[in-house]
Amino acid sequence: MARIVIAGAGAIGCFTGGLLARGGHQITLLGRARVLDAVRENGLTVSDFSGLTTHIAAADLTLSEDPACLSLADLVIVTVKTSATAEIAQQIAKYAPPDAPVLSWQNGITNADTLRSVLPDRDIRAGMVPFNVVPKAAGSYHRATSGDIVIEAGPGALGQMLNVPDLAVTESERIKAVQWGKLLINLNNALNALSGLTLQEQLLDRTWRRLMADQMQEALSVLRAAGIPTQSTTPLATWMLPHVLRLPTPLFSRIAARMLTIDPHARTSMAYDLLAGRVTEIDTLQGEIIALGQRYDHPTPICARVAVLIRSAPDQALSPDDIRST
């Protein structure tokens, strides 16, 4: 089994790190004291929508705020937010063994490229984490949606090594297309944050789904103009997703039930960031589509309005009409 350092142990890092530790890997969580102190005191509990609950004692993990712990790594998994990628790359360059592969399990499209720019001679792999993880209590993290992690294909059978019970990891030769497909889904992170609703409540409201569909269609149009391929992270092709979202709710519910399992209380990570006054990842989601639209002279009015609203951090929930009319 491998010595793995999770660089940036937040919700995704703690959840995946917990399952990898249970699967037999030696896990070091590198993160902030406010996160790690809770694990030191309570251990690490991970759960999910399917009924999974498992507890890892703090003594069975290495918990560190010191990036020098990267020197222990056979493998580094980066889970920091995009804005911190360059900084963590510098720490990896300083401390991690040169032969330790580095995986990016982050939202957005550019993180692996940022890592490569700082670590040009290392094995850097992009990745896509499809599910949402939310904090439940001190040292407790809950996977609220379904899906399997995909990493960029390469030597060493890393996907097979990381594939442990309750955490499926596969490899893909088309990781960029997979990431763009995930970004299309993640455009809803901001809408959910503005709605004040759970994901389930939002998806059962056809008015919200129509706004989601229009935003996704806008993004697909920009991607076609840019010649960027997408690979769906659901059983449906990406071009079909806006059409399915616009279906009447009873029909949509039957189709969606076969594609995605969602915890009834789940909201997106951006919703939690907005509530807590933290920096969001709007620039790596709507921001990417807006930038492409500007480059290819293609309008992106919905993404632009949503980005402005998220940055203004409204203090009350908005309706789809509020967002469209802003």
Protein backbone atom coordinates (compact mmCIF):
# COMPACT_ATOMS: atom_id res chain seq x y z
CA MET A 1 0.00 0.00 0.00
CA ALA A 2 1.08 3.58 -0.65
CA ARG A 3 2.00 6.52 1.56
CA ILE A 4 -0.37 9.21 0.30
CA VAL A 5 -0.37 12.87 1.29
CA ILE A 6 -3.68 14.68 0.79
CA ALA A 7 -2.51 18.24 0.12
CA GLY A 8 -5.30 20.55 1.20
CA ALA A 9 -7.48 18.44 3.46
CA GLY A 10 -10.92 20.00 3.30
CA ALA A 11 -14.21 18.21 2.63
CA ILE A 12 -13.10 16.26 -0.47
CA GLY A 13 -9.64 15.59 0.94
CA CYS A 14 -10.88 14.33 4.29
CA PHE A 15 -13.61 12.16 2.77
CA THR A 16 -11.39 10.50 0.18
CA GLY A 17 -8.50 10.30 2.62
CA GLY A 18 -10.70 8.49 5.12
CA LEU A 19 -11.75 5.84 2.62
CA LEU A 20 -8.20 5.43 1.33
CA ALA A 21 -7.01 4.95 4.93
CA ARG A 22 -9.72 2.37 5.55
CA GLY A 23 -8.57 0.69 2.33
CA GLY A 24 -5.09 0.18 3.79
CA HIS A 25 -3.11 3.18 2.54
CA GLN A 26 -1.00 5.27 4.91
CA ILE A 27 -2.69 8.67 4.78
CA THR A 28 -1.31 12.06 5.77
CA LEU A 29 -3.78 14.93 5.83
CA LEU A 30 -2.01 18.24 5.17
CA GLY A 31 -4.35 21.08 5.99
CA ARG A 32 -5.37 23.90 8.25
CA ALA A 33 -5.54 23.63 12.01
CA ARG A 34 -9.30 24.36 12.13
CA VAL A 35 -9.92 21.17 10.11
CA LEU A 36 -7.21 18.96 11.57
CA ASP A 37 -7.87 19.88 15.21
CA ALA A 38 -11.41 18.55 14.84
CA VAL A 39 -10.03 15.27 13.49
CA ARG A 40 -7.45 15.09 16.29
CA GLU A 41 -10.21 15.46 18.86
CA ASN A 42 -12.94 13.33 17.26
CA GLY A 43 -11.25 11.10 14.71
CA LEU A 44 -12.47 11.15 11.12
CA THR A 45 -15.98 9.97 10.25
CA VAL A 46 -17.08 9.56 6.64
CA SER A 47 -20.62 8.75 5.54
CA ASP A 48 -22.77 8.90 2.45
CA PHE A 49 -26.27 8.79 0.97
CA SER A 50 -26.18 4.98 0.66
CA GLY A 51 -25.88 4.41 4.40
CA LEU A 52 -22.09 4.13 4.55
CA THR A 53 -20.63 5.20 7.88
CA THR A 54 -17.07 4.51 8.89
CA HIS A 55 -14.79 5.97 11.56
CA ILE A 56 -11.01 6.26 11.35
CA ALA A 57 -9.19 6.94 14.61
CA ALA A 58 -6.93 9.97 14.61
CA ALA A 59 -4.05 7.68 15.61
CA ASP A 60 -4.46 5.84 12.29
CA LEU A 61 -3.82 9.04 10.31
CA THR A 62 -0.93 11.49 10.13
CA LEU A 63 -2.24 15.04 10.61
CA SER A 64 0.01 17.95 9.76
CA GLU A 65 -0.07 21.68 9.09
CA ASP A 66 3.59 21.52 8.03
CA PRO A 67 4.20 21.01 4.28
CA ALA A 68 7.44 19.20 5.15
CA CYS A 69 5.19 16.13 5.60
CA LEU A 70 5.17 15.93 1.78
CA SER A 71 8.62 14.36 2.07
CA LEU A 72 6.85 11.14 3.17
CA ALA A 73 4.77 10.84 0.00
CA ASP A 74 4.74 8.02 -2.52
CA LEU A 75 1.80 9.90 -4.06
CA VAL A 76 0.37 13.40 -3.58
CA ILE A 77 -3.33 14.15 -4.10
CA VAL A 78 -4.02 17.88 -4.39
CA THR A 79 -7.44 18.98 -3.13
CA VAL A 80 -6.92 22.69 -2.45
CA LYS A 81 -9.08 25.31 -4.16
CA THR A 82 -7.84 26.63 -7.48
CA SER A 83 -6.59 29.89 -5.98
CA ALA A 84 -4.14 27.92 -3.78
CA THR A 85 -2.82 25.58 -6.49
CA ALA A 86 0.35 27.54 -7.31
CA GLU A 87 1.24 27.79 -3.62
CA ILE A 88 0.81 24.08 -2.97
CA ALA A 89 2.82 23.33 -6.12
CA GLN A 90 5.74 25.32 -4.68
CA GLN A 91 5.52 23.29 -1.48
CA ILE A 92 5.46 20.03 -3.46
CA ALA A 93 8.53 21.20 -5.41
CA LYS A 94 10.37 21.93 -2.16
CA TYR A 95 9.47 18.85 -0.15
CA ALA A 96 7.95 15.95 -2.11
CA PRO A 97 10.14 13.23 -3.64
CA PRO A 98 10.68 13.90 -7.37
CA ASP A 99 9.31 10.47 -8.32
CA ALA A 100 6.03 10.88 -6.39
CA PRO A 101 3.11 11.30 -8.86
CA VAL A 102 0.84 14.29 -8.22
CA LEU A 103 -2.91 14.02 -8.82
CA SER A 104 -5.26 17.01 -9.01
CA TRP A 105 -8.67 16.20 -7.49
CA GLN A 106 -9.93 19.77 -7.88
CA ASN A 107 -12.75 21.62 -9.60
CA GLY A 108 -11.93 23.50 -12.75
CA ILE A 109 -9.91 22.93 -15.90
CA THR A 110 -6.53 24.58 -15.34
CA ASN A 111 -5.21 23.11 -12.08
CA ALA A 112 -3.11 20.33 -13.62
CA ASP A 113 -1.57 22.85 -16.01
CA THR A 114 -0.72 25.12 -13.08
CA LEU A 115 0.92 22.20 -11.29
CA ARG A 116 2.89 21.29 -14.43
CA SER A 117 4.13 24.87 -14.83
CA VAL A 118 5.73 24.71 -11.38
CA LEU A 119 6.63 20.99 -11.51
CA PRO A 120 7.66 20.47 -15.16
CA ASP A 121 9.61 17.24 -14.64
CA ARG A 122 7.05 15.42 -12.49
CA ASP A 123 4.22 12.99 -13.22
CA ILE A 124 1.19 15.29 -12.96
CA ARG A 125 -2.31 13.87 -13.58
CA ALA A 126 -5.56 15.76 -13.90
CA GLY A 127 -8.60 14.24 -12.22
CA MET A 128 -12.34 14.63 -11.88
CA VAL A 129 -14.28 14.10 -8.65
CA PRO A 130 -17.98 13.90 -9.55
CA PHE A 131 -19.54 13.79 -6.11
CA ASN A 132 -20.29 16.48 -3.56
CA VAL A 133 -19.00 16.23 0.03
CA VAL A 134 -20.34 18.36 2.88
CA PRO A 135 -19.23 18.73 6.50
CA LYS A 136 -21.73 17.30 8.98
CA ALA A 137 -20.04 17.80 12.35
CA ALA A 138 -16.56 18.23 13.75
CA GLY A 139 -14.36 15.70 11.95
CA SER A 140 -17.33 14.29 9.99
CA TYR A 141 -17.82 14.45 6.20
CA HIS A 142 -20.75 13.22 4.14
CA ARG A 143 -20.82 12.31 0.43
CA ALA A 144 -24.14 13.65 -0.79
CA THR A 145 -24.15 12.70 -4.49
CA SER A 146 -22.97 9.74 -6.52
CA GLY A 147 -20.29 9.06 -9.14
CA ASP A 148 -16.80 7.61 -9.63
CA ILE A 149 -13.49 9.51 -9.65
CA VAL A 150 -11.69 9.64 -12.99
CA ILE A 151 -7.95 10.34 -13.32
CA GLU A 152 -5.74 10.93 -16.32
CA ALA A 153 -4.31 7.69 -17.69
CA GLY A 154 -0.60 7.06 -17.25
CA PRO A 155 2.00 4.63 -15.93
CA GLY A 156 1.87 2.84 -12.62
CA ALA A 157 -1.76 1.65 -12.55
CA LEU A 158 -2.65 4.46 -10.13
CA GLY A 159 -6.38 4.06 -10.70
CA GLN A 160 -6.21 0.42 -9.70
CA MET A 161 -4.12 1.23 -6.62
CA LEU A 162 -6.55 3.94 -5.47
CA ASN A 163 -9.67 1.91 -6.18
CA VAL A 164 -10.76 0.88 -2.66
CA PRO A 165 -14.15 -0.13 -1.24
CA ASP A 166 -16.72 2.69 -1.59
CA LEU A 167 -14.26 4.83 -3.62
CA ALA A 168 -14.14 3.83 -7.27
CA VAL A 169 -11.30 5.33 -9.33
CA THR A 170 -10.90 4.81 -13.08
CA GLU A 171 -8.46 6.17 -15.67
CA SER A 172 -9.24 8.01 -18.91
CA GLU A 173 -7.26 9.00 -22.01
CA ARG A 174 -9.74 11.90 -22.52
CA ILE A 175 -9.49 13.60 -19.14
CA LYS A 176 -9.89 17.14 -20.52
CA ALA A 177 -13.20 16.20 -22.15
CA VAL A 178 -14.27 14.57 -18.87
CA GLN A 179 -13.35 17.73 -16.95
CA TRP A 180 -15.32 19.95 -19.32
CA GLY A 181 -18.28 17.58 -18.97
CA LYS A 182 -18.05 17.92 -15.19
CA LEU A 183 -17.77 21.70 -15.45
CA LEU A 184 -21.08 21.79 -17.33
CA ILE A 185 -22.73 20.03 -14.39
CA ASN A 186 -20.90 22.19 -11.85
CA LEU A 187 -22.28 25.38 -13.37
CA ASN A 188 -25.29 24.60 -11.18
CA ASN A 189 -23.15 25.04 -8.05
CA ALA A 190 -23.71 28.77 -8.22
CA LEU A 191 -27.42 28.53 -9.00
CA ASN A 192 -27.89 26.23 -6.03
CA ALA A 193 -25.97 28.64 -3.81
CA LEU A 194 -28.25 31.50 -4.89
CA SER A 195 -31.44 29.45 -4.55
CA GLY A 196 -31.30 28.67 -0.83
CA LEU A 197 -32.68 25.23 -1.71
CA THR A 198 -31.35 21.72 -1.37
CA LEU A 199 -30.26 20.12 -4.63
CA GLN A 200 -33.24 17.81 -4.49
CA GLU A 201 -35.69 20.69 -4.02
CA GLN A 202 -34.04 22.60 -6.85
CA LEU A 203 -34.09 19.66 -9.26
CA LEU A 204 -37.75 18.97 -8.58
CA ASP A 205 -38.64 22.56 -9.56
CA ARG A 206 -39.05 22.84 -13.34
CA THR A 207 -38.48 26.60 -13.30
CA TRP A 208 -35.04 26.09 -11.77
CA ARG A 209 -34.28 23.24 -14.18
CA ARG A 210 -35.13 25.48 -17.15
CA LEU A 211 -32.64 28.05 -15.89
CA MET A 212 -30.07 25.29 -15.38
CA ALA A 213 -30.75 24.06 -18.92
CA ASP A 214 -30.43 27.53 -20.44
CA GLN A 215 -27.14 28.13 -18.64
CA MET A 216 -25.81 24.75 -19.76
CA GLN A 217 -26.94 25.36 -23.35
CA GLU A 218 -25.13 28.70 -23.29
CA ALA A 219 -21.94 26.97 -22.15
CA LEU A 220 -22.26 24.17 -24.72
CA SER A 221 -22.62 26.77 -27.46
CA VAL A 222 -19.41 28.48 -26.35
CA LEU A 223 -17.55 25.16 -26.16
CA ARG A 224 -18.66 24.27 -29.69
CA ALA A 225 -17.45 27.66 -30.91
CA ALA A 226 -14.09 26.98 -29.25
CA GLY A 227 -13.90 23.44 -30.67
CA ILE A 228 -13.67 21.92 -27.19
CA PRO A 229 -15.02 18.35 -26.85
CA THR A 230 -16.92 17.21 -23.77
CA GLN A 231 -17.49 13.78 -22.27
CA SER A 232 -20.50 13.39 -20.05
CA THR A 233 -20.12 12.34 -16.43
CA THR A 234 -23.65 10.85 -16.61
CA PRO A 235 -25.10 8.09 -18.82
CA LEU A 236 -26.54 10.80 -21.09
CA ALA A 237 -24.50 12.64 -23.74
CA THR A 238 -23.78 16.24 -22.79
CA TRP A 239 -25.92 17.66 -25.60
CA MET A 240 -28.93 15.79 -24.19
CA LEU A 241 -28.70 17.18 -20.68
CA PRO A 242 -30.45 20.54 -21.29
CA HIS A 243 -33.31 18.74 -23.04
CA VAL A 244 -33.74 16.32 -20.13
CA LEU A 245 -33.67 19.17 -17.60
CA ARG A 246 -36.56 20.87 -19.43
CA LEU A 247 -38.82 17.80 -19.27
CA PRO A 248 -41.93 17.78 -17.04
CA THR A 249 -40.98 16.90 -13.47
CA PRO A 250 -42.50 13.37 -13.34
CA LEU A 251 -40.59 12.33 -16.48
CA PHE A 252 -37.40 14.08 -15.41
CA SER A 253 -37.56 12.38 -12.02
CA ARG A 254 -37.72 8.93 -13.57
CA ILE A 255 -34.74 9.60 -15.83
CA ALA A 256 -32.67 11.36 -13.17
CA ALA A 257 -33.23 8.58 -10.64
CA ARG A 258 -31.29 6.26 -12.95
CA MET A 259 -28.43 8.73 -13.37
CA LEU A 260 -27.74 10.32 -10.02
CA THR A 261 -28.37 9.62 -6.37
CA ILE A 262 -28.66 12.72 -4.20
CA ASP A 263 -28.93 13.01 -0.45
CA PRO A 264 -32.19 14.89 0.29
CA HIS A 265 -30.35 17.47 2.42
CA ALA A 266 -27.45 18.06 0.02
CA ARG A 267 -26.42 21.48 -1.23
CA THR A 268 -23.39 22.36 -3.32
CA SER A 269 -20.04 23.30 -1.81
CA MET A 270 -20.43 26.82 -3.20
CA ALA A 271 -23.61 27.21 -1.16
CA TYR A 272 -21.63 26.49 2.01
CA ASP A 273 -18.82 28.83 0.92
CA LEU A 274 -21.29 31.63 0.24
CA LEU A 275 -23.01 31.16 3.61
CA ALA A 276 -19.65 31.18 5.41
CA GLY A 277 -18.35 34.23 3.57
CA ARG A 278 -15.49 32.23 2.03
CA VAL A 279 -14.01 32.78 -1.42
CA THR A 280 -15.96 30.75 -3.98
CA GLU A 281 -14.73 28.99 -7.11
CA ILE A 282 -16.95 30.99 -9.45
CA ASP A 283 -13.92 32.00 -11.54
CA THR A 284 -13.11 28.35 -12.30
CA LEU A 285 -16.70 27.57 -13.34
CA GLN A 286 -18.78 30.39 -14.88
CA GLY A 287 -15.54 32.34 -15.20
CA GLU A 288 -14.10 29.78 -17.63
CA ILE A 289 -17.18 29.99 -19.86
CA ILE A 290 -17.22 33.80 -19.75
CA ALA A 291 -13.53 33.94 -20.73
CA LEU A 292 -14.06 31.55 -23.64
CA GLY A 293 -17.08 33.55 -24.77
CA GLN A 294 -15.01 36.73 -24.83
CA ARG A 295 -12.22 34.97 -26.73
CA TYR A 296 -14.58 33.67 -29.41
CA ASP A 297 -16.94 36.67 -29.46
CA HIS A 298 -19.78 34.53 -28.15
CA PRO A 299 -22.21 36.05 -25.61
CA THR A 300 -22.62 34.43 -22.19
CA PRO A 301 -25.29 36.56 -20.49
CA ILE A 302 -26.55 33.96 -18.00
CA CYS A 303 -23.10 32.92 -16.79
CA ALA A 304 -22.11 36.59 -16.53
CA ARG A 305 -25.19 37.48 -14.44
CA VAL A 306 -24.70 34.48 -12.15
CA ALA A 307 -21.03 35.36 -11.61
CA VAL A 308 -21.92 38.95 -10.67
CA LEU A 309 -24.55 37.74 -8.20
CA ILE A 310 -22.20 35.27 -6.52
CA ARG A 311 -19.52 37.93 -6.16
CA SER A 312 -22.03 40.31 -4.60
CA ALA A 313 -23.02 37.61 -2.05
CA PRO A 314 -26.76 38.41 -1.74
CA ASP A 315 -28.13 38.05 1.77
CA GLN A 316 -31.38 36.39 0.68
CA ALA A 317 -32.40 33.53 -1.58
CA LEU A 318 -33.17 34.38 -5.19
CA SER A 319 -35.68 32.90 -7.62
CA PRO A 320 -34.97 31.98 -11.25
CA ASP A 321 -36.87 35.12 -12.29
CA ASP A 322 -34.67 37.21 -9.99
CA ILE A 323 -31.58 35.81 -11.68
CA ARG A 324 -32.89 36.21 -15.22
CA SER A 325 -34.01 39.79 -14.63
CA THR A 326 -30.87 41.04 -12.88
